[in-house]
């Protein structure tokens, strides 16, 4: 995936969050969000993986949502 394609997918994820929040509650939101986020991360070069993950966290933060604690713990262990 090119840098431009990554940016477009992240923008699409950003714009999808309000609808995901409206259409899904609790666990359903996270399942839907994670499927979309993982689809992006699964197709980026390894050197962009951490950057894309941070951008996904920013998408959540822009909507007042904290990432799940298991993401934070996993990132701390990996780092």
C-alpha atoms as a PDB file:
ATOM      1  CA  UNK A   1       0.000   0.000   0.000  1.00  0.00           C
ATOM      2  CA  UNK A   2       1.368   3.421  -0.882  1.00  0.00           C
ATOM      3  CA  UNK A   3       1.524   6.314   1.562  1.00  0.00           C
ATOM      4  CA  UNK A   4      -1.351   8.011  -0.282  1.00  0.00           C
ATOM      5  CA  UNK A   5      -3.474   4.842  -0.107  1.00  0.00           C
ATOM      6  CA  UNK A   6      -2.756   4.498   3.619  1.00  0.00           C
ATOM      7  CA  UNK A   7      -3.805   8.111   4.187  1.00  0.00           C
ATOM      8  CA  UNK A   8      -7.022   7.524   2.212  1.00  0.00           C
ATOM      9  CA  UNK A   9      -7.904   4.411   4.210  1.00  0.00           C
ATOM     10  CA  UNK A  10      -7.252   6.247   7.476  1.00  0.00           C
ATOM     11  CA  UNK A  11      -9.460   9.124   6.308  1.00  0.00           C
ATOM     12  CA  UNK A  12     -12.179   6.625   5.408  1.00  0.00           C
ATOM     13  CA  UNK A  13     -11.888   5.069   8.873  1.00  0.00           C
ATOM     14  CA  UNK A  14     -12.102   8.526  10.453  1.00  0.00           C
ATOM     15  CA  UNK A  15     -15.277   9.361   8.550  1.00  0.00           C
ATOM     16  CA  UNK A  16     -16.848   5.953   9.305  1.00  0.00           C
ATOM     17  CA  UNK A  17     -16.577   6.218  13.107  1.00  0.00           C
ATOM     18  CA  UNK A  18     -19.696   8.390  13.678  1.00  0.00           C
ATOM     19  CA  UNK A  19     -21.830   5.924  11.717  1.00  0.00           C
ATOM     20  CA  UNK A  20     -20.243   2.954  13.475  1.00  0.00           C
ATOM     21  CA  UNK A  21     -20.998   4.550  16.829  1.00  0.00           C
ATOM     22  CA  UNK A  22     -24.585   5.255  15.815  1.00  0.00           C
ATOM     23  CA  UNK A  23     -25.257   1.832  14.300  1.00  0.00           C
ATOM     24  CA  UNK A  24     -23.414  -0.343  16.824  1.00  0.00           C
ATOM     25  CA  UNK A  25     -23.277  -0.445  20.595  1.00  0.00           C
ATOM     26  CA  UNK A  26     -20.416  -1.666  22.773  1.00  0.00           C
ATOM     27  CA  UNK A  27     -18.873  -4.853  21.492  1.00  0.00           C
ATOM     28  CA  UNK A  28     -20.390  -4.503  18.035  1.00  0.00           C
ATOM     29  CA  UNK A  29     -18.657  -1.133  17.587  1.00  0.00           C
ATOM     30  CA  UNK A  30     -15.277  -2.619  18.514  1.00  0.00           C
ATOM     31  CA  UNK A  31     -15.714  -5.623  16.239  1.00  0.00           C
ATOM     32  CA  UNK A  32     -16.593  -3.400  13.300  1.00  0.00           C
ATOM     33  CA  UNK A  33     -13.864  -0.852  14.071  1.00  0.00           C
ATOM     34  CA  UNK A  34     -11.187  -3.507  14.602  1.00  0.00           C
ATOM     35  CA  UNK A  35     -12.040  -5.242  11.338  1.00  0.00           C
ATOM     36  CA  UNK A  36     -11.527  -1.965   9.494  1.00  0.00           C
ATOM     37  CA  UNK A  37      -8.384  -1.011  11.429  1.00  0.00           C
ATOM     38  CA  UNK A  38      -6.839  -4.467  11.013  1.00  0.00           C
ATOM     39  CA  UNK A  39      -7.583  -4.417   7.288  1.00  0.00           C
ATOM     40  CA  UNK A  40      -5.465  -1.275   7.034  1.00  0.00           C
ATOM     41  CA  UNK A  41      -2.635  -2.540   9.237  1.00  0.00           C
ATOM     42  CA  UNK A  42      -2.534  -5.904   7.464  1.00  0.00           C
ATOM     43  CA  UNK A  43      -1.610  -4.185   4.195  1.00  0.00           C
ATOM     44  CA  UNK A  44       1.000  -1.646   5.256  1.00  0.00           C
ATOM     45  CA  UNK A  45       4.739  -2.185   5.049  1.00  0.00           C
ATOM     46  CA  UNK A  46       6.311  -3.180   8.349  1.00  0.00           C
ATOM     47  CA  UNK A  47       8.165   0.122   8.606  1.00  0.00           C
ATOM     48  CA  UNK A  48       4.803   1.964   8.675  1.00  0.00           C
ATOM     49  CA  UNK A  49       3.002  -0.383  11.085  1.00  0.00           C
ATOM     50  CA  UNK A  50       3.661   1.604  14.281  1.00  0.00           C
ATOM     51  CA  UNK A  51       2.864   4.897  12.563  1.00  0.00           C
ATOM     52  CA  UNK A  52      -0.438   3.512  11.241  1.00  0.00           C
ATOM     53  CA  UNK A  53      -1.307   2.126  14.675  1.00  0.00           C
ATOM     54  CA  UNK A  54      -0.709   5.566  16.204  1.00  0.00           C
ATOM     55  CA  UNK A  55      -2.905   7.118  13.531  1.00  0.00           C
ATOM     56  CA  UNK A  56      -5.658   4.618  14.329  1.00  0.00           C
ATOM     57  CA  UNK A  57      -5.397   5.674  18.003  1.00  0.00           C
ATOM     58  CA  UNK A  58      -5.743   9.284  16.810  1.00  0.00           C
ATOM     59  CA  UNK A  59      -8.927   8.390  14.928  1.00  0.00           C
ATOM     60  CA  UNK A  60     -10.383   7.113  18.189  1.00  0.00           C
ATOM     61  CA  UNK A  61      -9.121  10.116  20.165  1.00  0.00           C
ATOM     62  CA  UNK A  62     -10.690  12.496  17.647  1.00  0.00           C
ATOM     63  CA  UNK A  63     -14.033  10.986  18.622  1.00  0.00           C
ATOM     64  CA  UNK A  64     -13.343  10.944  22.366  1.00  0.00           C
ATOM     65  CA  UNK A  65     -12.744   7.194  22.493  1.00  0.00           C
ATOM     66  CA  UNK A  66      -9.827   5.544  24.281  1.00  0.00           C
ATOM     67  CA  UNK A  67      -8.227   2.502  22.683  1.00  0.00           C
ATOM     68  CA  UNK A  68      -8.947  -0.782  24.453  1.00  0.00           C
ATOM     69  CA  UNK A  69      -6.530  -1.468  27.301  1.00  0.00           C
ATOM     70  CA  UNK A  70      -5.326  -4.679  25.667  1.00  0.00           C
ATOM     71  CA  UNK A  71      -3.992  -2.595  22.731  1.00  0.00           C
ATOM     72  CA  UNK A  72      -1.999  -0.444  25.124  1.00  0.00           C
ATOM     73  CA  UNK A  73      -0.654  -3.439  27.036  1.00  0.00           C
ATOM     74  CA  UNK A  74       0.289  -5.255  23.822  1.00  0.00           C
ATOM     75  CA  UNK A  75       2.073  -2.141  22.496  1.00  0.00           C
ATOM     76  CA  UNK A  76       4.014  -1.770  25.754  1.00  0.00           C
ATOM     77  CA  UNK A  77       5.115  -5.399  25.634  1.00  0.00           C
ATOM     78  CA  UNK A  78       6.146  -5.155  21.993  1.00  0.00           C
ATOM     79  CA  UNK A  79       8.157  -1.966  22.561  1.00  0.00           C
END
